[in-house]
């Protein structure tokens, strides 16, 4: 499952298959396992700003 940032003008999609190179998150890391202080690499929003997408 992928997760999308809901902040205005962002729309970054976190994909566990890709991880987050900027945030040093390894490929295969599920969203639920991201550190609580992880931020969107585009706008800096917290995990609470993300919603799951199919």
C-alpha atoms as a PDB file:
ATOM      1  CA  UNK A   1       0.000   0.000   0.000  1.00  0.00           C
ATOM      2  CA  UNK A   2       1.196   3.505  -0.821  1.00  0.00           C
ATOM      3  CA  UNK A   3       0.576   6.679   1.167  1.00  0.00           C
ATOM      4  CA  UNK A   4      -0.020  10.201  -0.173  1.00  0.00           C
ATOM      5  CA  UNK A   5       0.791  13.506   1.490  1.00  0.00           C
ATOM      6  CA  UNK A   6      -2.386  15.563   1.854  1.00  0.00           C
ATOM      7  CA  UNK A   7      -0.824  19.002   2.301  1.00  0.00           C
ATOM      8  CA  UNK A   8      -1.744  21.634  -0.319  1.00  0.00           C
ATOM      9  CA  UNK A   9       0.556  21.691  -3.348  1.00  0.00           C
ATOM     10  CA  UNK A  10       2.454  18.523  -2.386  1.00  0.00           C
ATOM     11  CA  UNK A  11       0.968  15.116  -3.228  1.00  0.00           C
ATOM     12  CA  UNK A  12       4.181  13.161  -2.540  1.00  0.00           C
ATOM     13  CA  UNK A  13       3.517   9.424  -2.580  1.00  0.00           C
ATOM     14  CA  UNK A  14       5.475   7.215  -0.203  1.00  0.00           C
ATOM     15  CA  UNK A  15       5.975   3.793  -1.742  1.00  0.00           C
ATOM     16  CA  UNK A  16       7.425   1.080   0.528  1.00  0.00           C
ATOM     17  CA  UNK A  17       8.900  -0.573  -2.580  1.00  0.00           C
ATOM     18  CA  UNK A  18      11.032   2.541  -3.165  1.00  0.00           C
ATOM     19  CA  UNK A  19      11.650   3.786   0.371  1.00  0.00           C
ATOM     20  CA  UNK A  20      12.936   7.351   0.786  1.00  0.00           C
ATOM     21  CA  UNK A  21      16.538   7.987  -0.222  1.00  0.00           C
ATOM     22  CA  UNK A  22      16.495  11.555   1.108  1.00  0.00           C
ATOM     23  CA  UNK A  23      15.269  10.342   4.501  1.00  0.00           C
ATOM     24  CA  UNK A  24      17.597   7.303   4.417  1.00  0.00           C
ATOM     25  CA  UNK A  25      14.632   4.911   4.545  1.00  0.00           C
ATOM     26  CA  UNK A  26      15.450   1.546   2.985  1.00  0.00           C
ATOM     27  CA  UNK A  27      13.387  -0.047   0.235  1.00  0.00           C
ATOM     28  CA  UNK A  28      10.758  -2.392   1.620  1.00  0.00           C
ATOM     29  CA  UNK A  29      10.067  -0.289   4.751  1.00  0.00           C
ATOM     30  CA  UNK A  30       6.304  -0.191   5.403  1.00  0.00           C
ATOM     31  CA  UNK A  31       4.814   3.219   6.240  1.00  0.00           C
ATOM     32  CA  UNK A  32       3.877   1.952   9.701  1.00  0.00           C
ATOM     33  CA  UNK A  33       7.559   1.253  10.429  1.00  0.00           C
ATOM     34  CA  UNK A  34       8.788   4.745   9.518  1.00  0.00           C
ATOM     35  CA  UNK A  35      10.242   6.642  12.488  1.00  0.00           C
ATOM     36  CA  UNK A  36       7.715   8.910  14.213  1.00  0.00           C
ATOM     37  CA  UNK A  37       9.896  11.922  13.382  1.00  0.00           C
ATOM     38  CA  UNK A  38       9.996  11.094   9.645  1.00  0.00           C
ATOM     39  CA  UNK A  39       8.912  13.982   7.426  1.00  0.00           C
ATOM     40  CA  UNK A  40       7.717  14.278   3.841  1.00  0.00           C
ATOM     41  CA  UNK A  41      10.851  14.814   1.704  1.00  0.00           C
ATOM     42  CA  UNK A  42       9.013  17.399  -0.426  1.00  0.00           C
ATOM     43  CA  UNK A  43       7.125  19.643   2.023  1.00  0.00           C
ATOM     44  CA  UNK A  44       8.271  18.512   5.487  1.00  0.00           C
ATOM     45  CA  UNK A  45       4.826  17.386   6.689  1.00  0.00           C
ATOM     46  CA  UNK A  46       4.565  14.807   9.472  1.00  0.00           C
ATOM     47  CA  UNK A  47       3.264  11.253   9.065  1.00  0.00           C
ATOM     48  CA  UNK A  48      -0.170  12.463  10.251  1.00  0.00           C
ATOM     49  CA  UNK A  49      -0.536  14.324   6.936  1.00  0.00           C
ATOM     50  CA  UNK A  50      -0.500  11.086   4.931  1.00  0.00           C
ATOM     51  CA  UNK A  51      -3.453   8.935   3.870  1.00  0.00           C
ATOM     52  CA  UNK A  52      -3.329   5.446   2.344  1.00  0.00           C
ATOM     53  CA  UNK A  53      -4.021   5.017  -1.386  1.00  0.00           C
ATOM     54  CA  UNK A  54      -4.741   1.808  -3.245  1.00  0.00           C
END
